[in-house]
Amino acid sequence: MTQKDRPSLLSVVVPVYGSPQSLEPLRDRLAAACAQLGVDHELILVDDRCPRDSWAVVRRLAETDPNVVGVRLSRNFGQHAAINAGLARVRGDWVVVMDCDLQDQPEEIPKLLHKAWEGGFDIVRAQRADRNDPWRRKFASWLFYRVLSFLTDTNQSEDIGNFGVYRRKVIDAMNAWQEESKYFRALVEWIGFSHTVIPVAHASRHEGKSSYNLRKLVRLATNVIIGFSDRPLKLMMATGFGISSVAFVIGFGFVVARLAGLIGVEGWTSVILSLWFLSGVILFGMGLTGLYVGRILIEAKGRPTFVIDQIVAGGSGSEALRSERDADHV
């Protein structure tokens, strides 16, 4: 590790939803990991309006620990909006993004940072060597990321989450983008810079269960695909071209057969089935186009990715509590 790469401050961004009991152990274990590295750190806990009142824990930690910054969003904007809210406030030379449920283990951070420093990487992401999730969850993730990879033309893996270390210039580049939908993993794959992946231990959840169900995964995938890629439109165009080509060949065959007297009275079944099929394709294409038009409308409105309600920072207690509804967005 060179003196140039050693951070004067390490920023750790954690979106908080559904695991209030894990926050204090997370704070303690992170402090121990940073002490091992010999670097100062800040822990930015972003409460995405957790229904289990995680904000009470976040606020208590921020009011008593000068290394903790508590950020509360005005409503539930989603995990990736919460990550972006935290990234907008980082001050460190290196940034860590991790989940709050302690499946991402703070003890792995020194390994990630040493890999970045020794190899000169700007991004080092954690690959879960042995994922501690139920098989249904693993299968759903596998299917989700296969479809997402294909339709966004990026390399998405169910074994690689948000957990990783990122040089400050990477985060600054992300923060400079003014987009309503900023899916962190896809941005990391797209943005470039020198990067690598290393295996890390993956723990069981400290408490509770994942808030992502099939409905939320489908909604997330739709938003990411529509907001990130035009490949579905290209697939629809290719499908239309393919159907037109097949229809031309079949139609030519019918004309030849008719002229040869091989076709007598035509039935209506094939006509009706063809109409239904083509009508379905047309309606699907119109609906897909409508989704993209809707995305254009959302981006044109210029609404923020998130809105911050309150911030508690640096152990200053209630004096640090303030509203930033107007200024805090990406």
C-alpha atoms as a PDB file:
ATOM      1  CA  MET A   1       0.000   0.000   0.000  1.00  0.00           C
ATOM      2  CA  THR A   2       1.459   3.321  -1.032  1.00  0.00           C
ATOM      3  CA  GLN A   3       1.207   6.508   0.974  1.00  0.00           C
ATOM      4  CA  LYS A   4      -0.632   8.076  -1.967  1.00  0.00           C
ATOM      5  CA  ASP A   5      -3.399   5.458  -1.865  1.00  0.00           C
ATOM      6  CA  ARG A   6      -3.858   5.445   1.908  1.00  0.00           C
ATOM      7  CA  PRO A   7      -7.086   7.385   2.588  1.00  0.00           C
ATOM      8  CA  SER A   8      -7.208  10.226   5.063  1.00  0.00           C
ATOM      9  CA  LEU A   9     -10.891   9.360   5.515  1.00  0.00           C
ATOM     10  CA  LEU A  10     -12.923   6.291   4.557  1.00  0.00           C
ATOM     11  CA  SER A  11     -16.641   6.874   3.869  1.00  0.00           C
ATOM     12  CA  VAL A  12     -19.057   3.979   4.353  1.00  0.00           C
ATOM     13  CA  VAL A  13     -22.569   4.319   2.900  1.00  0.00           C
ATOM     14  CA  VAL A  14     -25.291   2.020   4.232  1.00  0.00           C
ATOM     15  CA  PRO A  15     -28.955   2.123   3.122  1.00  0.00           C
ATOM     16  CA  VAL A  16     -31.126   1.201   6.100  1.00  0.00           C
ATOM     17  CA  TYR A  17     -34.389  -0.693   5.797  1.00  0.00           C
ATOM     18  CA  GLY A  18     -35.772  -3.468   7.983  1.00  0.00           C
ATOM     19  CA  SER A  19     -32.809  -4.284  10.272  1.00  0.00           C
ATOM     20  CA  PRO A  20     -32.651  -1.821  13.186  1.00  0.00           C
ATOM     21  CA  GLN A  21     -31.052  -4.344  15.547  1.00  0.00           C
ATOM     22  CA  SER A  22     -28.050  -4.797  13.253  1.00  0.00           C
ATOM     23  CA  LEU A  23     -27.017  -1.128  13.179  1.00  0.00           C
ATOM     24  CA  GLU A  24     -25.126  -0.941  16.469  1.00  0.00           C
ATOM     25  CA  PRO A  25     -23.121  -4.153  15.821  1.00  0.00           C
ATOM     26  CA  LEU A  26     -22.435  -2.823  12.318  1.00  0.00           C
ATOM     27  CA  ARG A  27     -21.086   0.426  13.780  1.00  0.00           C
ATOM     28  CA  ASP A  28     -18.876  -1.409  16.279  1.00  0.00           C
ATOM     29  CA  ARG A  29     -17.486  -3.933  13.789  1.00  0.00           C
ATOM     30  CA  LEU A  30     -16.809  -1.218  11.221  1.00  0.00           C
ATOM     31  CA  ALA A  31     -14.920   0.841  13.796  1.00  0.00           C
ATOM     32  CA  ALA A  32     -12.771  -2.200  14.619  1.00  0.00           C
ATOM     33  CA  ALA A  33     -12.049  -2.845  10.928  1.00  0.00           C
ATOM     34  CA  CYS A  34     -11.014   0.788  10.355  1.00  0.00           C
ATOM     35  CA  ALA A  35      -8.834   0.716  13.477  1.00  0.00           C
ATOM     36  CA  GLN A  36      -7.095  -2.329  11.963  1.00  0.00           C
ATOM     37  CA  LEU A  37      -6.474  -0.302   8.804  1.00  0.00           C
ATOM     38  CA  GLY A  38      -5.354   2.723  10.782  1.00  0.00           C
ATOM     39  CA  VAL A  39      -7.690   5.131   8.971  1.00  0.00           C
ATOM     40  CA  ASP A  40     -10.420   7.505  10.095  1.00  0.00           C
ATOM     41  CA  HIS A  41     -13.930   6.786   8.863  1.00  0.00           C
ATOM     42  CA  GLU A  42     -17.442   8.142   8.583  1.00  0.00           C
ATOM     43  CA  LEU A  43     -20.514   5.906   8.595  1.00  0.00           C
ATOM     44  CA  ILE A  44     -23.452   7.334   6.631  1.00  0.00           C
ATOM     45  CA  LEU A  45     -26.686   5.552   7.549  1.00  0.00           C
ATOM     46  CA  VAL A  46     -29.539   6.420   5.177  1.00  0.00           C
ATOM     47  CA  ASP A  47     -32.969   5.552   6.574  1.00  0.00           C
ATOM     48  CA  ASP A  48     -35.298   4.832   3.645  1.00  0.00           C
ATOM     49  CA  ARG A  49     -38.341   5.292   5.910  1.00  0.00           C
ATOM     50  CA  CYS A  50     -37.963   1.876   7.498  1.00  0.00           C
ATOM     51  CA  PRO A  51     -41.330   0.696   8.924  1.00  0.00           C
ATOM     52  CA  ARG A  52     -39.520  -0.772  11.953  1.00  0.00           C
ATOM     53  CA  ASP A  53     -38.410   2.658  13.181  1.00  0.00           C
ATOM     54  CA  SER A  54     -34.749   2.272  12.309  1.00  0.00           C
ATOM     55  CA  TRP A  55     -34.506   6.063  12.432  1.00  0.00           C
ATOM     56  CA  ALA A  56     -34.639   6.023  16.230  1.00  0.00           C
ATOM     57  CA  VAL A  57     -31.519   3.828  16.281  1.00  0.00           C
ATOM     58  CA  VAL A  58     -29.796   5.815  13.525  1.00  0.00           C
ATOM     59  CA  ARG A  59     -30.461   9.079  15.341  1.00  0.00           C
ATOM     60  CA  ARG A  60     -29.196   7.753  18.673  1.00  0.00           C
ATOM     61  CA  LEU A  61     -25.971   6.506  17.068  1.00  0.00           C
ATOM     62  CA  ALA A  62     -25.436   9.786  15.208  1.00  0.00           C
ATOM     63  CA  GLU A  63     -26.057  11.882  18.315  1.00  0.00           C
ATOM     64  CA  THR A  64     -23.526   9.932  20.382  1.00  0.00           C
ATOM     65  CA  ASP A  65     -20.867   8.944  17.838  1.00  0.00           C
ATOM     66  CA  PRO A  66     -18.951  11.639  15.905  1.00  0.00           C
ATOM     67  CA  ASN A  67     -18.192   9.123  13.142  1.00  0.00           C
ATOM     68  CA  VAL A  68     -21.862   8.482  12.323  1.00  0.00           C
ATOM     69  CA  VAL A  69     -24.068  10.561  10.021  1.00  0.00           C
ATOM     70  CA  GLY A  70     -27.787   9.829  10.007  1.00  0.00           C
ATOM     71  CA  VAL A  71     -29.854  10.725   6.934  1.00  0.00           C
ATOM     72  CA  ARG A  72     -33.616  10.231   6.780  1.00  0.00           C
ATOM     73  CA  LEU A  73     -35.494  10.356   3.482  1.00  0.00           C
ATOM     74  CA  SER A  74     -38.931  11.976   3.277  1.00  0.00           C
ATOM     75  CA  ARG A  75     -40.503   8.705   2.103  1.00  0.00           C
ATOM     76  CA  ASN A  76     -39.493   5.278   0.849  1.00  0.00           C
ATOM     77  CA  PHE A  77     -37.619   5.925  -2.419  1.00  0.00           C
ATOM     78  CA  GLY A  78     -35.993   2.499  -2.708  1.00  0.00           C
ATOM     79  CA  GLN A  79     -32.608   1.015  -1.906  1.00  0.00           C
ATOM     80  CA  HIS A  80     -30.695   2.543  -4.796  1.00  0.00           C
ATOM     81  CA  ALA A  81     -32.066   6.034  -4.203  1.00  0.00           C
ATOM     82  CA  ALA A  82     -30.951   5.662  -0.581  1.00  0.00           C
ATOM     83  CA  ILE A  83     -27.475   4.662  -1.752  1.00  0.00           C
ATOM     84  CA  ASN A  84     -27.328   7.741  -3.961  1.00  0.00           C
ATOM     85  CA  ALA A  85     -28.451   9.928  -1.051  1.00  0.00           C
ATOM     86  CA  GLY A  86     -25.485   8.640   0.937  1.00  0.00           C
ATOM     87  CA  LEU A  87     -23.038   8.951  -1.950  1.00  0.00           C
ATOM     88  CA  ALA A  88     -24.002  12.621  -2.338  1.00  0.00           C
ATOM     89  CA  ARG A  89     -22.572  13.240   1.179  1.00  0.00           C
ATOM     90  CA  VAL A  90     -19.333  11.290   1.214  1.00  0.00           C
ATOM     91  CA  ARG A  91     -16.152  13.127   2.166  1.00  0.00           C
ATOM     92  CA  GLY A  92     -13.619  10.300   2.039  1.00  0.00           C
ATOM     93  CA  ASP A  93     -10.929   9.473  -0.525  1.00  0.00           C
ATOM     94  CA  TRP A  94     -12.349   5.942  -0.732  1.00  0.00           C
ATOM     95  CA  VAL A  95     -15.984   4.921  -0.403  1.00  0.00           C
ATOM     96  CA  VAL A  96     -17.511   1.638   0.752  1.00  0.00           C
ATOM     97  CA  VAL A  97     -21.102   0.691  -0.098  1.00  0.00           C
ATOM     98  CA  MET A  98     -22.670  -2.149   1.881  1.00  0.00           C
ATOM     99  CA  ASP A  99     -26.013  -3.408   3.207  1.00  0.00           C
ATOM    100  CA  CYS A 100     -27.185  -2.981   6.785  1.00  0.00           C
ATOM    101  CA  ASP A 101     -28.128  -6.591   7.593  1.00  0.00           C
ATOM    102  CA  LEU A 102     -24.504  -7.703   8.249  1.00  0.00           C
ATOM    103  CA  GLN A 103     -24.504 -10.236   5.422  1.00  0.00           C
ATOM    104  CA  ASP A 104     -21.861  -7.882   4.041  1.00  0.00           C
ATOM    105  CA  GLN A 105     -19.237  -8.195   6.773  1.00  0.00           C
ATOM    106  CA  PRO A 106     -17.205  -5.134   7.824  1.00  0.00           C
ATOM    107  CA  GLU A 107     -14.226  -7.425   8.483  1.00  0.00           C
ATOM    108  CA  GLU A 108     -13.896  -7.919   4.705  1.00  0.00           C
ATOM    109  CA  ILE A 109     -13.313  -4.198   4.045  1.00  0.00           C
ATOM    110  CA  PRO A 110      -9.517  -4.325   4.729  1.00  0.00           C
ATOM    111  CA  LYS A 111      -9.213  -7.154   2.181  1.00  0.00           C
ATOM    112  CA  LEU A 112     -11.077  -5.127  -0.452  1.00  0.00           C
ATOM    113  CA  LEU A 113      -9.035  -1.981   0.199  1.00  0.00           C
ATOM    114  CA  HIS A 114      -5.683  -3.786   0.171  1.00  0.00           C
ATOM    115  CA  LYS A 115      -6.605  -5.342  -3.187  1.00  0.00           C
ATOM    116  CA  ALA A 116      -7.418  -1.874  -4.547  1.00  0.00           C
ATOM    117  CA  TRP A 117      -4.218  -0.343  -3.198  1.00  0.00           C
ATOM    118  CA  GLU A 118      -1.889  -3.161  -4.249  1.00  0.00           C
ATOM    119  CA  GLY A 119      -3.399  -3.594  -7.715  1.00  0.00           C
ATOM    120  CA  GLY A 120      -4.061   0.079  -8.438  1.00  0.00           C
ATOM    121  CA  PHE A 121      -7.777  -0.559  -8.952  1.00  0.00           C
ATOM    122  CA  ASP A 122     -10.424   2.137  -8.756  1.00  0.00           C
ATOM    123  CA  ILE A 123     -13.200  -0.370  -7.997  1.00  0.00           C
ATOM    124  CA  VAL A 124     -13.014  -3.646  -6.076  1.00  0.00           C
ATOM    125  CA  ARG A 125     -16.311  -5.482  -5.660  1.00  0.00           C
ATOM    126  CA  ALA A 126     -17.093  -8.356  -3.340  1.00  0.00           C
ATOM    127  CA  GLN A 127     -18.193 -11.682  -4.777  1.00  0.00           C
ATOM    128  CA  ARG A 128     -20.104 -13.838  -2.316  1.00  0.00           C
ATOM    129  CA  ALA A 129     -18.168 -17.098  -2.217  1.00  0.00           C
ATOM    130  CA  ASP A 130     -20.945 -19.056  -0.485  1.00  0.00           C
ATOM    131  CA  ARG A 131     -24.223 -17.179  -0.475  1.00  0.00           C
ATOM    132  CA  ASN A 132     -26.247 -17.689   2.718  1.00  0.00           C
ATOM    133  CA  ASP A 133     -29.771 -17.365   1.330  1.00  0.00           C
ATOM    134  CA  PRO A 134     -32.668 -19.828   0.792  1.00  0.00           C
ATOM    135  CA  TRP A 135     -32.599 -21.675  -2.535  1.00  0.00           C
ATOM    136  CA  ARG A 136     -35.769 -19.888  -3.696  1.00  0.00           C
ATOM    137  CA  ARG A 137     -34.049 -16.554  -3.144  1.00  0.00           C
ATOM    138  CA  LYS A 138     -30.952 -17.745  -4.981  1.00  0.00           C
ATOM    139  CA  PHE A 139     -32.999 -18.983  -7.958  1.00  0.00           C
ATOM    140  CA  ALA A 140     -35.034 -15.772  -8.157  1.00  0.00           C
ATOM    141  CA  SER A 141     -31.813 -13.733  -8.071  1.00  0.00           C
ATOM    142  CA  TRP A 142     -30.210 -15.921 -10.726  1.00  0.00           C
ATOM    143  CA  LEU A 143     -33.188 -15.529 -13.070  1.00  0.00           C
ATOM    144  CA  PHE A 144     -33.511 -11.807 -12.359  1.00  0.00           C
ATOM    145  CA  TYR A 145     -29.871 -11.038 -13.149  1.00  0.00           C
ATOM    146  CA  ARG A 146     -29.784 -13.239 -16.279  1.00  0.00           C
ATOM    147  CA  VAL A 147     -32.703 -11.284 -17.748  1.00  0.00           C
ATOM    148  CA  LEU A 148     -31.300  -7.973 -16.515  1.00  0.00           C
ATOM    149  CA  SER A 149     -27.868  -8.673 -18.018  1.00  0.00           C
ATOM    150  CA  PHE A 150     -29.353  -9.517 -21.403  1.00  0.00           C
ATOM    151  CA  LEU A 151     -31.751  -6.585 -21.615  1.00  0.00           C
ATOM    152  CA  THR A 152     -29.332  -3.942 -20.280  1.00  0.00           C
ATOM    153  CA  ASP A 153     -26.269  -5.286 -22.127  1.00  0.00           C
ATOM    154  CA  THR A 154     -24.256  -5.310 -18.887  1.00  0.00           C
ATOM    155  CA  ASN A 155     -22.687  -8.127 -16.889  1.00  0.00           C
ATOM    156  CA  GLN A 156     -24.875  -8.589 -13.816  1.00  0.00           C
ATOM    157  CA  SER A 157     -24.269 -11.440 -11.366  1.00  0.00           C
ATOM    158  CA  GLU A 158     -26.373 -12.712  -8.496  1.00  0.00           C
ATOM    159  CA  ASP A 159     -23.152 -13.311  -6.526  1.00  0.00           C
ATOM    160  CA  ILE A 160     -22.036  -9.662  -6.717  1.00  0.00           C
ATOM    161  CA  GLY A 161     -24.050  -7.081  -4.825  1.00  0.00           C
ATOM    162  CA  ASN A 162     -23.461  -3.460  -3.902  1.00  0.00           C
ATOM    163  CA  PHE A 163     -20.682  -4.334  -1.451  1.00  0.00           C
ATOM    164  CA  GLY A 164     -17.365  -2.976  -2.631  1.00  0.00           C
ATOM    165  CA  VAL A 165     -14.813  -0.176  -2.371  1.00  0.00           C
ATOM    166  CA  TYR A 166     -14.751   2.714  -4.830  1.00  0.00           C
ATOM    167  CA  ARG A 167     -12.196   5.441  -5.384  1.00  0.00           C
ATOM    168  CA  ARG A 168     -13.642   8.925  -4.857  1.00  0.00           C
ATOM    169  CA  LYS A 169     -13.393   9.873  -8.546  1.00  0.00           C
ATOM    170  CA  VAL A 170     -15.760   6.999  -9.408  1.00  0.00           C
ATOM    171  CA  ILE A 171     -18.370   8.278  -6.967  1.00  0.00           C
ATOM    172  CA  ASP A 172     -17.933  11.865  -8.157  1.00  0.00           C
ATOM    173  CA  ALA A 173     -18.601  10.713 -11.728  1.00  0.00           C
ATOM    174  CA  MET A 174     -21.805   8.978 -10.612  1.00  0.00           C
ATOM    175  CA  ASN A 175     -22.961  11.979  -8.599  1.00  0.00           C
ATOM    176  CA  ALA A 176     -22.546  14.210 -11.655  1.00  0.00           C
ATOM    177  CA  TRP A 177     -25.316  12.377 -13.543  1.00  0.00           C
ATOM    178  CA  GLN A 178     -28.751  13.916 -13.392  1.00  0.00           C
ATOM    179  CA  GLU A 179     -31.020  10.919 -13.879  1.00  0.00           C
ATOM    180  CA  GLU A 180     -34.172   9.931 -12.028  1.00  0.00           C
ATOM    181  CA  SER A 181     -33.383   6.217 -12.099  1.00  0.00           C
ATOM    182  CA  LYS A 182     -29.840   5.414 -10.941  1.00  0.00           C
ATOM    183  CA  TYR A 183     -29.415   1.672 -10.401  1.00  0.00           C
ATOM    184  CA  PHE A 184     -26.089   1.390  -8.608  1.00  0.00           C
ATOM    185  CA  ARG A 185     -24.931  -2.007  -9.869  1.00  0.00           C
ATOM    186  CA  ALA A 186     -25.642  -1.196 -13.516  1.00  0.00           C
ATOM    187  CA  LEU A 187     -23.865   2.146 -13.177  1.00  0.00           C
ATOM    188  CA  VAL A 188     -20.780   0.433 -11.766  1.00  0.00           C
ATOM    189  CA  GLU A 189     -20.704  -1.966 -14.725  1.00  0.00           C
ATOM    190  CA  TRP A 190     -21.225   0.836 -17.250  1.00  0.00           C
ATOM    191  CA  ILE A 191     -18.950   3.526 -15.864  1.00  0.00           C
ATOM    192  CA  GLY A 192     -15.673   1.729 -16.513  1.00  0.00           C
ATOM    193  CA  PHE A 193     -12.459   2.592 -14.624  1.00  0.00           C
ATOM    194  CA  SER A 194     -10.068  -0.145 -13.529  1.00  0.00           C
ATOM    195  CA  HIS A 195     -11.950  -2.740 -11.531  1.00  0.00           C
ATOM    196  CA  THR A 196     -11.781  -6.276 -10.253  1.00  0.00           C
ATOM    197  CA  VAL A 197     -13.740  -8.746  -8.125  1.00  0.00           C
ATOM    198  CA  ILE A 198     -12.541 -10.826  -5.184  1.00  0.00           C
ATOM    199  CA  PRO A 199     -14.346 -13.535  -3.172  1.00  0.00           C
ATOM    200  CA  VAL A 200     -15.478 -12.706   0.363  1.00  0.00           C
ATOM    201  CA  ALA A 201     -17.359 -14.545   3.094  1.00  0.00           C
ATOM    202  CA  HIS A 202     -21.118 -13.999   3.090  1.00  0.00           C
ATOM    203  CA  ALA A 203     -22.869 -14.215   6.456  1.00  0.00           C
ATOM    204  CA  SER A 204     -26.444 -15.026   7.394  1.00  0.00           C
ATOM    205  CA  ARG A 205     -28.810 -12.133   7.986  1.00  0.00           C
ATOM    206  CA  HIS A 206     -28.501 -10.636  11.463  1.00  0.00           C
ATOM    207  CA  GLU A 207     -32.311 -10.406  11.665  1.00  0.00           C
ATOM    208  CA  GLY A 208     -35.462 -10.304   9.557  1.00  0.00           C
ATOM    209  CA  LYS A 209     -35.684 -11.199   5.871  1.00  0.00           C
ATOM    210  CA  SER A 210     -35.183  -9.469   2.550  1.00  0.00           C
ATOM    211  CA  SER A 211     -37.841  -6.930   1.568  1.00  0.00           C
ATOM    212  CA  TYR A 212     -37.506  -7.919  -2.105  1.00  0.00           C
ATOM    213  CA  ASN A 213     -40.292 -10.234  -3.266  1.00  0.00           C
ATOM    214  CA  LEU A 214     -41.136 -11.312  -6.821  1.00  0.00           C
ATOM    215  CA  ARG A 215     -43.390  -8.304  -7.435  1.00  0.00           C
ATOM    216  CA  LYS A 216     -40.711  -5.843  -6.292  1.00  0.00           C
ATOM    217  CA  LEU A 217     -38.038  -7.619  -8.333  1.00  0.00           C
ATOM    218  CA  VAL A 218     -40.181  -7.419 -11.487  1.00  0.00           C
ATOM    219  CA  ARG A 219     -40.908  -3.733 -10.866  1.00  0.00           C
ATOM    220  CA  LEU A 220     -37.230  -3.026 -10.206  1.00  0.00           C
ATOM    221  CA  ALA A 221     -36.178  -4.901 -13.341  1.00  0.00           C
ATOM    222  CA  THR A 222     -38.716  -3.000 -15.466  1.00  0.00           C
ATOM    223  CA  ASN A 223     -37.568   0.383 -14.146  1.00  0.00           C
ATOM    224  CA  VAL A 224     -33.895  -0.475 -14.630  1.00  0.00           C
ATOM    225  CA  ILE A 225     -34.332  -1.889 -18.130  1.00  0.00           C
ATOM    226  CA  ILE A 226     -36.483   0.981 -19.371  1.00  0.00           C
ATOM    227  CA  GLY A 227     -34.292   3.593 -17.696  1.00  0.00           C
ATOM    228  CA  PHE A 228     -30.952   2.090 -18.718  1.00  0.00           C
ATOM    229  CA  SER A 229     -31.255   0.414 -22.112  1.00  0.00           C
ATOM    230  CA  ASP A 230     -33.044   0.592 -25.463  1.00  0.00           C
ATOM    231  CA  ARG A 231     -32.450  -3.097 -26.194  1.00  0.00           C
ATOM    232  CA  PRO A 232     -36.164  -4.067 -25.706  1.00  0.00           C
ATOM    233  CA  LEU A 233     -37.077  -1.633 -28.501  1.00  0.00           C
ATOM    234  CA  LYS A 234     -34.451  -3.185 -30.752  1.00  0.00           C
ATOM    235  CA  LEU A 235     -35.797  -6.650 -29.931  1.00  0.00           C
ATOM    236  CA  MET A 236     -39.305  -5.526 -30.817  1.00  0.00           C
ATOM    237  CA  MET A 237     -38.043  -4.158 -34.125  1.00  0.00           C
ATOM    238  CA  ALA A 238     -36.226  -7.435 -34.815  1.00  0.00           C
ATOM    239  CA  THR A 239     -39.377  -9.392 -33.903  1.00  0.00           C
ATOM    240  CA  GLY A 240     -41.469  -7.295 -36.280  1.00  0.00           C
ATOM    241  CA  PHE A 241     -38.934  -7.756 -39.060  1.00  0.00           C
ATOM    242  CA  GLY A 242     -38.853 -11.511 -38.435  1.00  0.00           C
ATOM    243  CA  ILE A 243     -42.653 -11.824 -38.511  1.00  0.00           C
ATOM    244  CA  SER A 244     -42.822  -9.740 -41.690  1.00  0.00           C
ATOM    245  CA  SER A 245     -40.177 -11.929 -43.357  1.00  0.00           C
ATOM    246  CA  VAL A 246     -41.951 -15.156 -42.419  1.00  0.00           C
ATOM    247  CA  ALA A 247     -45.295 -13.710 -43.527  1.00  0.00           C
ATOM    248  CA  PHE A 248     -43.804 -12.716 -46.898  1.00  0.00           C
ATOM    249  CA  VAL A 249     -42.419 -16.220 -47.502  1.00  0.00           C
ATOM    250  CA  ILE A 250     -45.668 -17.923 -46.478  1.00  0.00           C
ATOM    251  CA  GLY A 251     -47.736 -15.450 -48.481  1.00  0.00           C
ATOM    252  CA  PHE A 252     -45.628 -16.092 -51.586  1.00  0.00           C
ATOM    253  CA  GLY A 253     -46.147 -19.837 -51.091  1.00  0.00           C
ATOM    254  CA  PHE A 254     -49.920 -19.361 -50.839  1.00  0.00           C
ATOM    255  CA  VAL A 255     -49.947 -17.313 -54.055  1.00  0.00           C
ATOM    256  CA  VAL A 256     -48.043 -20.036 -55.909  1.00  0.00           C
ATOM    257  CA  ALA A 257     -50.326 -22.733 -54.503  1.00  0.00           C
ATOM    258  CA  ARG A 258     -53.413 -20.731 -55.469  1.00  0.00           C
ATOM    259  CA  LEU A 259     -52.227 -20.240 -59.029  1.00  0.00           C
ATOM    260  CA  ALA A 260     -51.471 -23.947 -59.243  1.00  0.00           C
ATOM    261  CA  GLY A 261     -55.000 -24.763 -58.117  1.00  0.00           C
ATOM    262  CA  LEU A 262     -53.871 -26.497 -54.957  1.00  0.00           C
ATOM    263  CA  ILE A 263     -56.020 -24.330 -52.656  1.00  0.00           C
ATOM    264  CA  GLY A 264     -59.777 -24.512 -52.737  1.00  0.00           C
ATOM    265  CA  VAL A 265     -61.986 -22.785 -50.184  1.00  0.00           C
ATOM    266  CA  GLU A 266     -59.915 -21.091 -47.496  1.00  0.00           C
ATOM    267  CA  GLY A 267     -61.002 -21.330 -43.858  1.00  0.00           C
ATOM    268  CA  TRP A 268     -61.286 -18.481 -41.432  1.00  0.00           C
ATOM    269  CA  THR A 269     -59.449 -20.116 -38.498  1.00  0.00           C
ATOM    270  CA  SER A 270     -55.977 -19.254 -39.731  1.00  0.00           C
ATOM    271  CA  VAL A 271     -57.082 -15.707 -40.496  1.00  0.00           C
ATOM    272  CA  ILE A 272     -58.523 -15.180 -37.007  1.00  0.00           C
ATOM    273  CA  LEU A 273     -55.460 -16.681 -35.304  1.00  0.00           C
ATOM    274  CA  SER A 274     -53.161 -14.501 -37.394  1.00  0.00           C
ATOM    275  CA  LEU A 275     -55.168 -11.393 -36.489  1.00  0.00           C
ATOM    276  CA  TRP A 276     -55.053 -12.202 -32.797  1.00  0.00           C
ATOM    277  CA  PHE A 277     -51.323 -12.910 -32.887  1.00  0.00           C
ATOM    278  CA  LEU A 278     -50.410  -9.798 -34.831  1.00  0.00           C
ATOM    279  CA  SER A 279     -52.766  -7.661 -32.739  1.00  0.00           C
ATOM    280  CA  GLY A 280     -51.041  -8.909 -29.588  1.00  0.00           C
ATOM    281  CA  VAL A 281     -47.611  -8.126 -31.030  1.00  0.00           C
ATOM    282  CA  ILE A 282     -48.735  -4.629 -32.045  1.00  0.00           C
ATOM    283  CA  LEU A 283     -50.289  -3.885 -28.652  1.00  0.00           C
ATOM    284  CA  PHE A 284     -47.181  -5.186 -26.861  1.00  0.00           C
ATOM    285  CA  GLY A 285     -44.995  -2.965 -29.034  1.00  0.00           C
ATOM    286  CA  MET A 286     -47.208   0.050 -28.365  1.00  0.00           C
ATOM    287  CA  GLY A 287     -47.136  -0.634 -24.628  1.00  0.00           C
ATOM    288  CA  LEU A 288     -43.346  -0.969 -24.654  1.00  0.00           C
ATOM    289  CA  THR A 289     -43.014   2.272 -26.573  1.00  0.00           C
ATOM    290  CA  GLY A 290     -45.384   3.880 -24.065  1.00  0.00           C
ATOM    291  CA  LEU A 291     -43.095   2.860 -21.199  1.00  0.00           C
ATOM    292  CA  TYR A 292     -40.185   4.630 -22.861  1.00  0.00           C
ATOM    293  CA  VAL A 293     -42.302   7.696 -23.534  1.00  0.00           C
ATOM    294  CA  GLY A 294     -43.322   7.654 -19.865  1.00  0.00           C
ATOM    295  CA  ARG A 295     -39.663   7.468 -18.855  1.00  0.00           C
ATOM    296  CA  ILE A 296     -38.941  10.493 -21.047  1.00  0.00           C
ATOM    297  CA  LEU A 297     -41.763  12.342 -19.268  1.00  0.00           C
ATOM    298  CA  ILE A 298     -40.331  11.470 -15.850  1.00  0.00           C
ATOM    299  CA  GLU A 299     -36.838  12.635 -16.834  1.00  0.00           C
ATOM    300  CA  ALA A 300     -38.219  15.810 -18.429  1.00  0.00           C
ATOM    301  CA  LYS A 301     -39.940  16.761 -15.173  1.00  0.00           C
ATOM    302  CA  GLY A 302     -36.549  16.881 -13.485  1.00  0.00           C
ATOM    303  CA  ARG A 303     -37.773  15.573 -10.148  1.00  0.00           C
ATOM    304  CA  PRO A 304     -35.061  14.557  -7.661  1.00  0.00           C
ATOM    305  CA  THR A 305     -34.068  10.946  -7.137  1.00  0.00           C
ATOM    306  CA  PHE A 306     -34.667  11.411  -3.412  1.00  0.00           C
ATOM    307  CA  VAL A 307     -35.744  14.066  -0.918  1.00  0.00           C
ATOM    308  CA  ILE A 308     -34.064  14.344   2.482  1.00  0.00           C
ATOM    309  CA  ASP A 309     -36.167  15.034   5.540  1.00  0.00           C
ATOM    310  CA  GLN A 310     -33.578  15.161   8.327  1.00  0.00           C
ATOM    311  CA  ILE A 311     -29.863  14.813   8.973  1.00  0.00           C
ATOM    312  CA  VAL A 312     -28.108  14.150  12.267  1.00  0.00           C
ATOM    313  CA  ALA A 313     -24.345  14.395  12.036  1.00  0.00           C
ATOM    314  CA  GLY A 314     -21.160  14.130  14.008  1.00  0.00           C
ATOM    315  CA  GLY A 315     -22.442  13.601  17.541  1.00  0.00           C
ATOM    316  CA  SER A 316     -23.806  17.134  17.703  1.00  0.00           C
ATOM    317  CA  GLY A 317     -27.212  16.012  18.860  1.00  0.00           C
ATOM    318  CA  SER A 318     -30.328  17.963  17.984  1.00  0.00           C
ATOM    319  CA  GLU A 319     -28.322  20.998  16.847  1.00  0.00           C
ATOM    320  CA  ALA A 320     -27.300  19.050  13.744  1.00  0.00           C
ATOM    321  CA  LEU A 321     -30.892  18.145  12.894  1.00  0.00           C
ATOM    322  CA  ARG A 322     -32.120  20.075   9.931  1.00  0.00           C
ATOM    323  CA  SER A 323     -34.525  19.927   7.003  1.00  0.00           C
ATOM    324  CA  GLU A 324     -33.111  19.837   3.485  1.00  0.00           C
ATOM    325  CA  ARG A 325     -36.219  19.257   1.410  1.00  0.00           C
ATOM    326  CA  ASP A 326     -35.257  21.842  -1.183  1.00  0.00           C
ATOM    327  CA  ALA A 327     -31.543  21.258  -1.668  1.00  0.00           C
ATOM    328  CA  ASP A 328     -30.915  17.549  -1.230  1.00  0.00           C
ATOM    329  CA  HIS A 329     -31.341  15.560  -4.371  1.00  0.00           C
ATOM    330  CA  VAL A 330     -29.355  14.009  -7.152  1.00  0.00           C
END
